[in-house]
Amino acid sequence: MDKNTPIAEFMTPVPQTVGSAQTITFARKLMDKHGIRHLPVLHGGKLYGVVSDRDLGVIAGLNEVDPDETTVEEAMTQDVYTVPKDASLFAVLQEMLAHKYGSTLVVEGGKVIGIFTTYDALGVLVEHFPGA
């Protein structure tokens, strides 16, 4: 591995997605079912945002919010950090660190083809520095 290794080698391919009109309850169940903490949010088949388990927890914790009625759109982050599959792993890690991003969506031709999270970054660290 070097500084130019593409993010595609470390991303989770074809991640689960959720529609912007789905409920917080639906999104949480999807995350639990697949053991994940981030979901790309689609609207009309196009990337619209990203929602994390933390986002859902914050919104669901508000007294006036009914998680069975509140939509993912109300909890998601619309400003999403996206990169092409050939983006350098090192450059992606630098951006994630600088901006405190919890995830990066990997896109190709306007479609989400993968996700790279802080969990994945820790996996890279452990894999390339075993026993350190």
N, C-alpha and C. Protein backbone atom coordinates (compact mmCIF):
# COMPACT_ATOMS: atom_id res chain seq x y z
N MET A 1 0.86 -1.18 0.00
CA MET A 1 0.00 0.00 0.00
C MET A 1 0.90 1.24 0.00
N ASP A 2 0.55 2.21 -0.84
CA ASP A 2 1.25 3.48 -0.83
C ASP A 2 0.24 4.62 -0.84
N LYS A 3 0.72 5.85 -0.91
CA LYS A 3 -0.16 7.03 -0.84
C LYS A 3 -1.18 7.08 -1.97
N ASN A 4 -0.90 6.41 -3.08
CA ASN A 4 -1.79 6.45 -4.24
C ASN A 4 -2.74 5.26 -4.34
N THR A 5 -2.73 4.39 -3.35
CA THR A 5 -3.64 3.25 -3.36
C THR A 5 -5.08 3.76 -3.43
N PRO A 6 -5.88 3.25 -4.38
CA PRO A 6 -7.25 3.77 -4.53
C PRO A 6 -8.19 3.34 -3.40
N ILE A 7 -9.10 4.22 -3.07
CA ILE A 7 -10.09 3.97 -2.02
C ILE A 7 -10.91 2.72 -2.32
N ALA A 8 -11.08 2.40 -3.60
CA ALA A 8 -11.89 1.24 -4.00
C ALA A 8 -11.38 -0.06 -3.37
N GLU A 9 -10.08 -0.12 -3.04
CA GLU A 9 -9.52 -1.33 -2.44
C GLU A 9 -9.96 -1.52 -0.99
N PHE A 10 -10.49 -0.46 -0.37
CA PHE A 10 -10.82 -0.53 1.05
C PHE A 10 -12.27 -0.21 1.37
N MET A 11 -13.02 0.23 0.37
CA MET A 11 -14.42 0.59 0.61
C MET A 11 -15.27 -0.66 0.82
N THR A 12 -16.42 -0.46 1.41
CA THR A 12 -17.44 -1.50 1.46
C THR A 12 -18.26 -1.34 0.19
N PRO A 13 -18.23 -2.33 -0.70
CA PRO A 13 -18.94 -2.16 -1.98
C PRO A 13 -20.46 -2.20 -1.83
N VAL A 14 -21.13 -1.53 -2.74
CA VAL A 14 -22.58 -1.49 -2.87
C VAL A 14 -23.26 -1.49 -1.50
N PRO A 15 -23.17 -0.39 -0.81
CA PRO A 15 -23.76 -0.34 0.53
C PRO A 15 -25.28 -0.35 0.50
N GLN A 16 -25.86 -0.64 1.64
CA GLN A 16 -27.31 -0.50 1.80
C GLN A 16 -27.64 0.98 1.65
N THR A 17 -28.81 1.28 1.13
CA THR A 17 -29.27 2.66 1.01
C THR A 17 -30.67 2.76 1.60
N VAL A 18 -31.11 4.00 1.81
CA VAL A 18 -32.44 4.24 2.33
C VAL A 18 -33.04 5.42 1.57
N GLY A 19 -34.34 5.39 1.38
CA GLY A 19 -35.02 6.50 0.71
C GLY A 19 -35.26 7.64 1.68
N SER A 20 -35.24 8.85 1.17
CA SER A 20 -35.40 10.04 2.03
C SER A 20 -36.75 10.08 2.72
N ALA A 21 -37.76 9.43 2.15
CA ALA A 21 -39.11 9.46 2.74
C ALA A 21 -39.34 8.32 3.74
N GLN A 22 -38.37 7.42 3.87
CA GLN A 22 -38.52 6.34 4.85
C GLN A 22 -38.46 6.93 6.26
N THR A 23 -38.98 6.19 7.23
CA THR A 23 -38.99 6.69 8.60
C THR A 23 -37.68 6.39 9.32
N ILE A 24 -37.47 7.10 10.41
CA ILE A 24 -36.30 6.86 11.25
C ILE A 24 -36.32 5.42 11.76
N THR A 25 -37.50 4.94 12.14
CA THR A 25 -37.62 3.56 12.62
C THR A 25 -37.15 2.58 11.56
N PHE A 26 -37.58 2.78 10.31
CA PHE A 26 -37.17 1.91 9.21
C PHE A 26 -35.65 1.93 9.04
N ALA A 27 -35.06 3.11 9.06
CA ALA A 27 -33.61 3.24 8.88
C ALA A 27 -32.85 2.55 10.01
N ARG A 28 -33.32 2.72 11.23
CA ARG A 28 -32.64 2.08 12.37
C ARG A 28 -32.70 0.56 12.25
N LYS A 29 -33.85 0.03 11.84
CA LYS A 29 -33.98 -1.42 11.67
C LYS A 29 -33.05 -1.92 10.57
N LEU A 30 -32.92 -1.16 9.50
CA LEU A 30 -32.04 -1.53 8.40
C LEU A 30 -30.58 -1.55 8.88
N MET A 31 -30.20 -0.54 9.64
CA MET A 31 -28.84 -0.50 10.20
C MET A 31 -28.59 -1.68 11.13
N ASP A 32 -29.54 -1.96 12.00
CA ASP A 32 -29.40 -3.08 12.94
C ASP A 32 -29.29 -4.41 12.20
N LYS A 33 -30.14 -4.59 11.19
CA LYS A 33 -30.16 -5.84 10.43
C LYS A 33 -28.81 -6.12 9.76
N HIS A 34 -28.18 -5.05 9.25
CA HIS A 34 -26.94 -5.23 8.50
C HIS A 34 -25.68 -4.87 9.30
N GLY A 35 -25.86 -4.49 10.56
CA GLY A 35 -24.72 -4.17 11.40
C GLY A 35 -23.90 -2.99 10.90
N ILE A 36 -24.60 -1.95 10.45
CA ILE A 36 -23.92 -0.78 9.89
C ILE A 36 -24.32 0.49 10.64
N ARG A 37 -23.54 1.56 10.44
CA ARG A 37 -23.80 2.81 11.15
C ARG A 37 -24.05 3.99 10.23
N HIS A 38 -23.96 3.80 8.91
CA HIS A 38 -24.19 4.88 7.95
C HIS A 38 -25.02 4.35 6.78
N LEU A 39 -25.92 5.19 6.31
CA LEU A 39 -26.72 4.84 5.14
C LEU A 39 -26.73 5.99 4.15
N PRO A 40 -26.34 5.74 2.91
CA PRO A 40 -26.56 6.76 1.89
C PRO A 40 -28.06 6.94 1.71
N VAL A 41 -28.49 8.19 1.56
CA VAL A 41 -29.91 8.49 1.40
C VAL A 41 -30.16 8.86 -0.07
N LEU A 42 -31.15 8.18 -0.66
CA LEU A 42 -31.50 8.43 -2.05
C LEU A 42 -32.85 9.12 -2.13
N HIS A 43 -33.00 9.94 -3.16
CA HIS A 43 -34.28 10.58 -3.47
C HIS A 43 -34.43 10.50 -4.98
N GLY A 44 -35.46 9.80 -5.42
CA GLY A 44 -35.64 9.61 -6.86
C GLY A 44 -34.49 8.84 -7.49
N GLY A 45 -33.87 7.94 -6.72
CA GLY A 45 -32.77 7.13 -7.23
C GLY A 45 -31.43 7.83 -7.24
N LYS A 46 -31.38 9.09 -6.83
CA LYS A 46 -30.13 9.86 -6.83
C LYS A 46 -29.68 10.13 -5.40
N LEU A 47 -28.37 10.23 -5.22
CA LEU A 47 -27.80 10.51 -3.92
C LEU A 47 -28.31 11.86 -3.42
N TYR A 48 -28.82 11.86 -2.19
CA TYR A 48 -29.45 13.05 -1.61
C TYR A 48 -28.81 13.45 -0.29
N GLY A 49 -28.15 12.47 0.38
CA GLY A 49 -27.53 12.75 1.66
C GLY A 49 -27.00 11.47 2.27
N VAL A 50 -26.64 11.58 3.55
CA VAL A 50 -26.19 10.41 4.30
C VAL A 50 -26.73 10.56 5.72
N VAL A 51 -27.08 9.44 6.32
CA VAL A 51 -27.59 9.46 7.69
C VAL A 51 -26.80 8.44 8.51
N SER A 52 -26.44 8.83 9.71
CA SER A 52 -25.70 7.94 10.60
C SER A 52 -26.60 7.50 11.75
N ASP A 53 -26.16 6.46 12.45
CA ASP A 53 -26.92 6.03 13.61
C ASP A 53 -26.96 7.15 14.65
N ARG A 54 -25.92 7.93 14.72
CA ARG A 54 -25.89 9.07 15.66
C ARG A 54 -26.95 10.10 15.27
N ASP A 55 -27.04 10.43 13.97
CA ASP A 55 -28.06 11.37 13.50
C ASP A 55 -29.45 10.91 13.91
N LEU A 56 -29.71 9.62 13.70
CA LEU A 56 -31.03 9.06 14.03
C LEU A 56 -31.30 9.11 15.52
N GLY A 57 -30.27 8.82 16.31
CA GLY A 57 -30.42 8.85 17.76
C GLY A 57 -30.71 10.24 18.28
N VAL A 58 -30.04 11.24 17.73
CA VAL A 58 -30.26 12.62 18.16
C VAL A 58 -31.69 13.05 17.85
N ILE A 59 -32.15 12.79 16.63
CA ILE A 59 -33.50 13.19 16.22
C ILE A 59 -34.54 12.41 17.02
N ALA A 60 -34.35 11.11 17.15
CA ALA A 60 -35.32 10.27 17.87
C ALA A 60 -35.40 10.64 19.35
N GLY A 61 -34.33 11.21 19.89
CA GLY A 61 -34.30 11.58 21.30
C GLY A 61 -35.05 12.86 21.63
N LEU A 62 -35.44 13.60 20.63
CA LEU A 62 -36.19 14.83 20.88
C LEU A 62 -37.61 14.48 21.29
N ASN A 63 -38.13 15.14 22.30
CA ASN A 63 -39.45 14.81 22.85
C ASN A 63 -40.58 14.85 21.84
N GLU A 64 -40.55 15.83 20.94
CA GLU A 64 -41.67 15.99 20.02
C GLU A 64 -41.56 15.12 18.75
N VAL A 65 -40.55 14.29 18.68
CA VAL A 65 -40.32 13.49 17.48
C VAL A 65 -40.86 12.07 17.65
N ASP A 66 -41.67 11.65 16.70
CA ASP A 66 -42.16 10.28 16.65
C ASP A 66 -41.34 9.55 15.58
N PRO A 67 -40.47 8.61 15.97
CA PRO A 67 -39.60 7.95 14.98
C PRO A 67 -40.36 7.14 13.94
N ASP A 68 -41.62 6.82 14.23
CA ASP A 68 -42.44 6.10 13.25
C ASP A 68 -43.06 7.04 12.22
N GLU A 69 -42.99 8.33 12.46
CA GLU A 69 -43.56 9.33 11.55
C GLU A 69 -42.52 10.26 10.94
N THR A 70 -41.39 10.42 11.62
CA THR A 70 -40.34 11.34 11.17
C THR A 70 -39.52 10.67 10.07
N THR A 71 -39.23 11.41 9.00
CA THR A 71 -38.51 10.83 7.86
C THR A 71 -37.00 10.96 8.01
N VAL A 72 -36.32 10.12 7.28
CA VAL A 72 -34.87 10.13 7.24
C VAL A 72 -34.38 11.50 6.77
N GLU A 73 -35.10 12.12 5.85
CA GLU A 73 -34.71 13.43 5.33
C GLU A 73 -34.53 14.45 6.45
N GLU A 74 -35.33 14.32 7.50
CA GLU A 74 -35.26 15.26 8.61
C GLU A 74 -34.04 15.03 9.50
N ALA A 75 -33.41 13.88 9.38
CA ALA A 75 -32.26 13.54 10.22
C ALA A 75 -30.94 13.54 9.46
N MET A 76 -30.99 13.45 8.15
CA MET A 76 -29.78 13.25 7.34
C MET A 76 -28.93 14.51 7.22
N THR A 77 -27.71 14.30 6.76
CA THR A 77 -26.81 15.37 6.39
C THR A 77 -26.84 15.45 4.87
N GLN A 78 -27.13 16.63 4.34
CA GLN A 78 -27.23 16.77 2.90
C GLN A 78 -25.87 17.00 2.24
N ASP A 79 -24.95 17.61 2.96
CA ASP A 79 -23.60 17.83 2.43
C ASP A 79 -22.80 16.55 2.63
N VAL A 80 -22.61 15.82 1.55
CA VAL A 80 -21.97 14.52 1.60
C VAL A 80 -20.60 14.60 0.94
N TYR A 81 -19.61 13.98 1.58
CA TYR A 81 -18.27 13.91 1.01
C TYR A 81 -18.25 12.70 0.08
N THR A 82 -18.09 12.95 -1.21
CA THR A 82 -18.05 11.88 -2.21
C THR A 82 -16.72 11.91 -2.94
N VAL A 83 -16.29 10.74 -3.37
CA VAL A 83 -15.05 10.61 -4.13
C VAL A 83 -15.24 9.56 -5.21
N PRO A 84 -14.44 9.63 -6.28
CA PRO A 84 -14.46 8.56 -7.28
C PRO A 84 -13.68 7.35 -6.75
N LYS A 85 -13.89 6.21 -7.37
CA LYS A 85 -13.26 4.97 -6.87
C LYS A 85 -11.74 4.98 -6.97
N ASP A 86 -11.19 5.82 -7.82
CA ASP A 86 -9.74 5.87 -7.95
C ASP A 86 -9.09 6.94 -7.07
N ALA A 87 -9.88 7.59 -6.21
CA ALA A 87 -9.32 8.58 -5.28
C ALA A 87 -8.31 7.89 -4.37
N SER A 88 -7.26 8.62 -4.05
CA SER A 88 -6.21 8.08 -3.19
C SER A 88 -6.73 7.89 -1.76
N LEU A 89 -6.47 6.71 -1.21
CA LEU A 89 -6.85 6.42 0.17
C LEU A 89 -6.27 7.49 1.10
N PHE A 90 -5.03 7.85 0.89
CA PHE A 90 -4.37 8.84 1.74
C PHE A 90 -5.09 10.19 1.68
N ALA A 91 -5.46 10.63 0.48
CA ALA A 91 -6.16 11.91 0.33
C ALA A 91 -7.53 11.87 1.00
N VAL A 92 -8.22 10.75 0.87
CA VAL A 92 -9.53 10.59 1.51
C VAL A 92 -9.39 10.65 3.02
N LEU A 93 -8.40 9.95 3.56
CA LEU A 93 -8.17 9.96 5.00
C LEU A 93 -7.84 11.37 5.49
N GLN A 94 -7.05 12.11 4.73
CA GLN A 94 -6.71 13.48 5.11
C GLN A 94 -7.97 14.35 5.18
N GLU A 95 -8.85 14.22 4.19
CA GLU A 95 -10.10 15.00 4.17
C GLU A 95 -11.02 14.61 5.32
N MET A 96 -11.14 13.31 5.56
CA MET A 96 -12.00 12.85 6.65
C MET A 96 -11.50 13.38 7.99
N LEU A 97 -10.20 13.36 8.17
CA LEU A 97 -9.61 13.86 9.41
C LEU A 97 -9.79 15.37 9.54
N ALA A 98 -9.50 16.10 8.47
CA ALA A 98 -9.58 17.57 8.50
C ALA A 98 -10.99 18.07 8.78
N HIS A 99 -11.99 17.37 8.25
CA HIS A 99 -13.38 17.83 8.37
C HIS A 99 -14.22 17.00 9.34
N LYS A 100 -13.59 16.01 9.98
CA LYS A 100 -14.28 15.14 10.93
C LYS A 100 -15.46 14.40 10.31
N TYR A 101 -15.27 13.95 9.05
CA TYR A 101 -16.30 13.17 8.37
C TYR A 101 -16.31 11.75 8.93
N GLY A 102 -17.49 11.23 9.17
CA GLY A 102 -17.62 9.85 9.64
C GLY A 102 -17.66 8.84 8.51
N SER A 103 -17.91 9.35 7.30
CA SER A 103 -17.96 8.45 6.14
C SER A 103 -17.70 9.22 4.86
N THR A 104 -17.32 8.45 3.86
CA THR A 104 -17.10 8.95 2.51
C THR A 104 -17.88 8.05 1.58
N LEU A 105 -18.65 8.62 0.69
CA LEU A 105 -19.37 7.81 -0.29
C LEU A 105 -18.56 7.77 -1.58
N VAL A 106 -18.40 6.57 -2.11
CA VAL A 106 -17.66 6.37 -3.35
C VAL A 106 -18.68 6.27 -4.47
N VAL A 107 -18.54 7.15 -5.46
CA VAL A 107 -19.53 7.23 -6.53
C VAL A 107 -18.87 7.02 -7.89
N GLU A 108 -19.69 6.52 -8.80
CA GLU A 108 -19.26 6.34 -10.18
C GLU A 108 -20.47 6.57 -11.07
N GLY A 109 -20.36 7.49 -11.99
CA GLY A 109 -21.48 7.79 -12.88
C GLY A 109 -22.72 8.24 -12.14
N GLY A 110 -22.54 8.95 -11.04
CA GLY A 110 -23.67 9.45 -10.27
C GLY A 110 -24.32 8.44 -9.34
N LYS A 111 -23.80 7.21 -9.32
CA LYS A 111 -24.36 6.17 -8.46
C LYS A 111 -23.38 5.84 -7.33
N VAL A 112 -23.94 5.53 -6.16
CA VAL A 112 -23.13 5.12 -5.02
C VAL A 112 -22.69 3.68 -5.25
N ILE A 113 -21.37 3.47 -5.27
CA ILE A 113 -20.85 2.10 -5.48
C ILE A 113 -20.16 1.57 -4.23
N GLY A 114 -19.96 2.45 -3.24
CA GLY A 114 -19.31 2.00 -2.01
C GLY A 114 -19.33 3.07 -0.94
N ILE A 115 -18.90 2.68 0.24
CA ILE A 115 -18.80 3.59 1.36
C ILE A 115 -17.52 3.26 2.11
N PHE A 116 -16.87 4.28 2.62
CA PHE A 116 -15.67 4.14 3.42
C PHE A 116 -15.91 4.91 4.70
N THR A 117 -15.85 4.23 5.85
CA THR A 117 -16.17 4.85 7.13
C THR A 117 -14.94 4.90 8.03
N THR A 118 -15.08 5.56 9.16
CA THR A 118 -13.99 5.59 10.13
C THR A 118 -13.68 4.17 10.61
N TYR A 119 -14.67 3.32 10.66
CA TYR A 119 -14.47 1.91 11.02
C TYR A 119 -13.55 1.24 10.00
N ASP A 120 -13.81 1.51 8.71
CA ASP A 120 -12.96 0.96 7.65
C ASP A 120 -11.53 1.50 7.78
N ALA A 121 -11.39 2.78 8.14
CA ALA A 121 -10.07 3.38 8.31
C ALA A 121 -9.30 2.68 9.43
N LEU A 122 -9.99 2.35 10.51
CA LEU A 122 -9.34 1.61 11.60
C LEU A 122 -8.90 0.23 11.12
N GLY A 123 -9.71 -0.39 10.26
CA GLY A 123 -9.35 -1.68 9.70
C GLY A 123 -8.07 -1.60 8.86
N VAL A 124 -7.93 -0.53 8.10
CA VAL A 124 -6.72 -0.32 7.31
C VAL A 124 -5.52 -0.20 8.24
N LEU A 125 -5.67 0.56 9.28
CA LEU A 125 -4.59 0.76 10.24
C LEU A 125 -4.15 -0.56 10.87
N VAL A 126 -5.10 -1.34 11.32
CA VAL A 126 -4.78 -2.62 11.96
C VAL A 126 -4.17 -3.59 10.95
N GLU A 127 -4.70 -3.63 9.74
CA GLU A 127 -4.21 -4.54 8.71
C GLU A 127 -2.77 -4.23 8.29
N HIS A 128 -2.42 -2.96 8.24
CA HIS A 128 -1.10 -2.59 7.73
C HIS A 128 -0.08 -2.30 8.82
N PHE A 129 -0.51 -2.36 10.07
CA PHE A 129 0.42 -2.19 11.19
C PHE A 129 0.15 -3.27 12.24
N PRO A 130 0.17 -4.55 11.82
CA PRO A 130 -0.14 -5.62 12.77
C PRO A 130 0.91 -5.69 13.88
N GLY A 131 0.46 -5.91 15.07
CA GLY A 131 1.34 -6.09 16.20
C GLY A 131 2.13 -4.86 16.60
N ALA A 132 1.79 -3.72 16.02
CA ALA A 132 2.55 -2.49 16.33
C ALA A 132 2.24 -2.00 17.72
